[in-house]
Amino acid sequence: MIALTRTGINTFWATVAEGPAAVRVIEILPVVVLLGLCVVMVVLAGPIMTYLEAAATALHAPAGYIADVTGAPVVVDLGGAP
């Protein structure tokens, strides 16, 4: 995304530069963080898959959620707050 943005800026708005622009740490940091998250997801694939399977099961069988919501006590606000 950064490369495409820079190419567009250089093509349409910037003058010809002497060389390629230096990449700052603030531009590299998000990429490094995302790559680190990918490594963490590979290492912790078992727990992540367990969580995702539980979430998918809950989404495909909403009866438990519906029972919890409809069985919850009704809260009535008599304070007149808007």
C-alpha atoms as a PDB file:
ATOM      1  CA  MET A   1       0.000   0.000   0.000  1.00  0.00           C
ATOM      2  CA  ILE A   2       2.830   2.361   0.890  1.00  0.00           C
ATOM      3  CA  ALA A   3       4.619   1.562  -2.354  1.00  0.00           C
ATOM      4  CA  LEU A   4       1.498   2.218  -4.440  1.00  0.00           C
ATOM      5  CA  THR A   5       0.841   5.479  -2.612  1.00  0.00           C
ATOM      6  CA  ARG A   6       4.399   6.662  -3.117  1.00  0.00           C
ATOM      7  CA  THR A   7       4.305   5.710  -6.779  1.00  0.00           C
ATOM      8  CA  GLY A   8       1.091   7.663  -7.274  1.00  0.00           C
ATOM      9  CA  ILE A   9       2.440  10.699  -5.466  1.00  0.00           C
ATOM     10  CA  ASN A  10       5.708  10.603  -7.397  1.00  0.00           C
ATOM     11  CA  THR A  11       3.915  10.128 -10.696  1.00  0.00           C
ATOM     12  CA  PHE A  12       1.281  12.815 -10.390  1.00  0.00           C
ATOM     13  CA  TRP A  13       2.419  15.422  -7.851  1.00  0.00           C
ATOM     14  CA  ALA A  14       6.118  15.255  -7.016  1.00  0.00           C
ATOM     15  CA  THR A  15       9.088  16.453  -8.964  1.00  0.00           C
ATOM     16  CA  VAL A  16      11.764  13.987  -9.966  1.00  0.00           C
ATOM     17  CA  ALA A  17      13.814  13.123  -6.891  1.00  0.00           C
ATOM     18  CA  GLU A  18      17.513  12.444  -6.810  1.00  0.00           C
ATOM     19  CA  GLY A  19      17.004   8.929  -5.429  1.00  0.00           C
ATOM     20  CA  PRO A  20      14.526   6.744  -3.666  1.00  0.00           C
ATOM     21  CA  ALA A  21      13.044   8.184  -0.521  1.00  0.00           C
ATOM     22  CA  ALA A  22      14.274   6.765   2.752  1.00  0.00           C
ATOM     23  CA  VAL A  23      11.795   4.574   4.578  1.00  0.00           C
ATOM     24  CA  ARG A  24      11.279   5.729   8.143  1.00  0.00           C
ATOM     25  CA  VAL A  25      10.866   3.434  11.131  1.00  0.00           C
ATOM     26  CA  ILE A  26       7.267   4.585  11.586  1.00  0.00           C
ATOM     27  CA  GLU A  27       6.516   3.218   8.110  1.00  0.00           C
ATOM     28  CA  ILE A  28       8.179  -0.142   8.741  1.00  0.00           C
ATOM     29  CA  LEU A  29       6.765  -0.675  12.231  1.00  0.00           C
ATOM     30  CA  PRO A  30       3.195  -1.690  11.189  1.00  0.00           C
ATOM     31  CA  VAL A  31       4.565  -4.245   8.739  1.00  0.00           C
ATOM     32  CA  VAL A  32       6.848  -5.728  11.399  1.00  0.00           C
ATOM     33  CA  VAL A  33       3.965  -5.863  13.898  1.00  0.00           C
ATOM     34  CA  LEU A  34       1.697  -7.658  11.400  1.00  0.00           C
ATOM     35  CA  LEU A  35       4.437 -10.140  10.527  1.00  0.00           C
ATOM     36  CA  GLY A  36       4.971 -10.756  14.244  1.00  0.00           C
ATOM     37  CA  LEU A  37       1.252 -11.399  14.682  1.00  0.00           C
ATOM     38  CA  CYS A  38       1.393 -13.898  11.821  1.00  0.00           C
ATOM     39  CA  VAL A  39       4.216 -15.767  13.572  1.00  0.00           C
ATOM     40  CA  VAL A  40       2.270 -15.756  16.860  1.00  0.00           C
ATOM     41  CA  MET A  41      -0.807 -17.117  15.074  1.00  0.00           C
ATOM     42  CA  VAL A  42       1.273 -19.933  13.576  1.00  0.00           C
ATOM     43  CA  VAL A  43       2.793 -20.834  16.942  1.00  0.00           C
ATOM     44  CA  LEU A  44      -0.570 -20.661  18.758  1.00  0.00           C
ATOM     45  CA  ALA A  45      -2.624 -22.244  15.989  1.00  0.00           C
ATOM     46  CA  GLY A  46      -4.225 -24.855  18.277  1.00  0.00           C
ATOM     47  CA  PRO A  47      -5.780 -22.452  20.819  1.00  0.00           C
ATOM     48  CA  ILE A  48      -6.781 -20.035  18.063  1.00  0.00           C
ATOM     49  CA  MET A  49      -8.553 -22.806  16.125  1.00  0.00           C
ATOM     50  CA  THR A  50     -10.316 -23.965  19.311  1.00  0.00           C
ATOM     51  CA  TYR A  51     -11.611 -20.430  19.875  1.00  0.00           C
ATOM     52  CA  LEU A  52     -12.678 -20.013  16.243  1.00  0.00           C
ATOM     53  CA  GLU A  53     -14.457 -23.382  16.201  1.00  0.00           C
ATOM     54  CA  ALA A  54     -16.367 -22.422  19.374  1.00  0.00           C
ATOM     55  CA  ALA A  55     -17.329 -19.102  17.817  1.00  0.00           C
ATOM     56  CA  ALA A  56     -18.499 -20.810  14.619  1.00  0.00           C
ATOM     57  CA  THR A  57     -20.535 -23.320  16.612  1.00  0.00           C
ATOM     58  CA  ALA A  58     -22.186 -20.519  18.582  1.00  0.00           C
ATOM     59  CA  LEU A  59     -23.023 -18.681  15.375  1.00  0.00           C
ATOM     60  CA  HIS A  60     -24.550 -21.754  13.737  1.00  0.00           C
ATOM     61  CA  ALA A  61     -26.589 -22.722  16.822  1.00  0.00           C
ATOM     62  CA  PRO A  62     -27.983 -19.485  18.292  1.00  0.00           C
ATOM     63  CA  ALA A  63     -30.525 -21.213  20.559  1.00  0.00           C
ATOM     64  CA  GLY A  64     -28.316 -20.856  23.644  1.00  0.00           C
ATOM     65  CA  TYR A  65     -27.789 -17.155  23.017  1.00  0.00           C
ATOM     66  CA  ILE A  66     -31.495 -16.578  22.400  1.00  0.00           C
ATOM     67  CA  ALA A  67     -32.392 -18.406  25.616  1.00  0.00           C
ATOM     68  CA  ASP A  68     -29.891 -16.317  27.588  1.00  0.00           C
ATOM     69  CA  VAL A  69     -31.201 -13.056  26.149  1.00  0.00           C
ATOM     70  CA  THR A  70     -34.900 -13.822  26.480  1.00  0.00           C
ATOM     71  CA  GLY A  71     -34.449 -15.319  29.950  1.00  0.00           C
ATOM     72  CA  ALA A  72     -32.620 -12.281  31.339  1.00  0.00           C
ATOM     73  CA  PRO A  73     -34.492 -10.172  33.866  1.00  0.00           C
ATOM     74  CA  VAL A  74     -36.061  -6.960  32.571  1.00  0.00           C
ATOM     75  CA  VAL A  75     -34.505  -3.788  33.952  1.00  0.00           C
ATOM     76  CA  VAL A  76     -36.913  -0.880  34.317  1.00  0.00           C
ATOM     77  CA  ASP A  77     -35.504   2.617  34.740  1.00  0.00           C
ATOM     78  CA  LEU A  78     -37.835   4.598  36.953  1.00  0.00           C
ATOM     79  CA  GLY A  79     -35.398   7.462  37.412  1.00  0.00           C
ATOM     80  CA  GLY A  80     -36.604   9.309  34.326  1.00  0.00           C
ATOM     81  CA  ALA A  81     -33.121   9.635  32.886  1.00  0.00           C
ATOM     82  CA  PRO A  82     -33.072  10.200  29.126  1.00  0.00           C
END
